[in-house]
Protein backbone atom coordinates (compact mmCIF):
# COMPACT_ATOMS: atom_id res chain seq x y z
CA MET A 1 -0.49 -0.01 -0.58
CA PRO A 2 1.27 3.26 -0.92
CA THR A 3 2.20 5.94 1.48
CA ASN A 4 1.65 9.49 0.77
CA ASN A 5 3.99 12.36 2.41
CA TRP A 6 1.78 15.55 1.40
CA ASN A 7 1.55 17.25 5.16
CA THR A 8 -1.73 18.09 5.42
CA THR A 9 -2.04 19.89 8.42
CA SER A 10 -2.35 23.74 9.11
CA GLY A 11 -0.18 26.17 10.11
CA SER A 12 2.65 23.82 7.98
CA ASN A 13 5.71 25.43 6.08
CA GLU A 14 4.45 25.11 2.80
CA SER A 15 6.20 24.37 -0.54
CA GLY A 16 6.05 23.77 -4.01
CA VAL A 17 3.57 25.20 -6.03
CA THR A 18 1.37 26.63 -3.17
CA GLY A 19 4.54 28.25 -1.47
CA ALA A 20 5.88 29.87 -4.57
CA ALA A 21 2.26 30.75 -5.64
CA LYS A 22 2.12 32.68 -2.10
CA PHE A 23 5.35 34.74 -2.38
CA LEU A 24 4.41 35.45 -5.81
CA THR A 25 1.12 36.92 -4.91
CA SER A 26 2.83 38.73 -1.81
CA THR A 27 5.64 40.13 -3.99
CA LEU A 28 3.12 42.00 -6.24
CA GLY A 29 0.90 42.88 -3.47
CA ASN A 30 3.30 44.73 -2.21
CA THR A 31 4.54 45.96 -5.18
CA VAL A 32 1.24 47.17 -5.86
CA GLY A 33 1.06 48.66 -3.08
CA GLY A 34 4.40 50.73 -3.10
CA VAL A 35 3.42 51.71 -6.41
CA SER A 36 0.55 53.31 -5.29
CA LYS A 37 1.74 55.07 -2.48
CA THR A 38 4.34 56.38 -4.88
CA VAL A 39 1.58 57.71 -7.21
CA GLY A 40 -0.97 59.02 -4.43
CA GLY A 41 2.38 60.67 -3.08
CA VAL A 42 3.39 62.48 -6.76
CA THR A 43 -0.31 63.25 -7.66
CA GLY A 44 -0.66 65.03 -4.24
CA ALA A 45 2.17 66.43 -3.97
CA ALA A 46 1.52 68.03 -7.63
CA THR A 47 -2.02 69.22 -7.06
CA ARG A 48 -1.29 70.80 -4.03
CA GLY A 49 1.53 72.71 -6.11
CA LEU A 50 -1.11 73.38 -8.64
CA GLY A 51 -3.76 74.76 -6.25
CA ASP A 52 -0.77 76.98 -4.74
CA THR A 53 0.34 78.54 -8.26
CA VAL A 54 -3.49 79.18 -8.86
CA ASN A 55 -4.39 81.09 -5.67
CA SER A 56 -1.01 83.07 -6.17
CA ALA A 57 -1.51 83.94 -10.04
CA ALA A 58 -5.49 84.64 -9.12
CA GLY A 59 -5.68 85.99 -5.97
CA SER A 60 -8.81 86.17 -4.33
CA THR A 61 -10.98 85.14 -6.95
CA GLY A 62 -9.02 81.96 -7.86
CA ARG A 63 -8.78 80.70 -4.40
CA PRO A 64 -11.49 78.12 -4.49
CA VAL A 65 -10.31 76.36 -7.72
CA GLY A 66 -6.87 76.44 -5.90
CA ASP A 67 -8.06 74.92 -2.91
CA ALA A 68 -10.57 72.47 -4.94
CA LEU A 69 -7.75 71.21 -6.81
CA GLY A 70 -5.22 70.65 -3.29
CA ASN A 71 -8.25 68.99 -1.43
CA VAL A 72 -8.58 66.96 -4.36
CA GLY A 73 -4.82 66.02 -4.34
CA THR A 74 -4.59 65.23 -0.87
CA GLY A 75 -7.61 62.90 -0.51
CA LEU A 76 -6.27 61.17 -4.11
CA GLU A 77 -2.84 61.03 -1.69
CA ASP A 78 -4.61 59.21 1.76
CA GLY A 79 -6.84 57.27 0.02
CA LEU A 80 -3.69 55.24 -2.71
CA ARG A 81 -1.86 55.29 0.74
CA LYS A 82 -5.00 53.30 2.02
CA TRP A 83 -5.00 51.12 -0.63
CA LYS A 84 -3.59 47.84 -0.74
């Protein structure tokens, strides 16, 4: 009668295809998370800078538009920072 050496207990070290798949999905997830944080940071900084530029150039008349641009960028940055 053949015996198998498959370990079916939970919490064991995983090897082979399952271990490789978990490693790849973990690595991919971490990479996507890092990229999204970077994109959020760059986008947030750029839109805040654009909002400041509008505020400086247009004065009090353009302030609502400049502030709105800055707020959108900050919201996008916060959302992408938390997303993973």
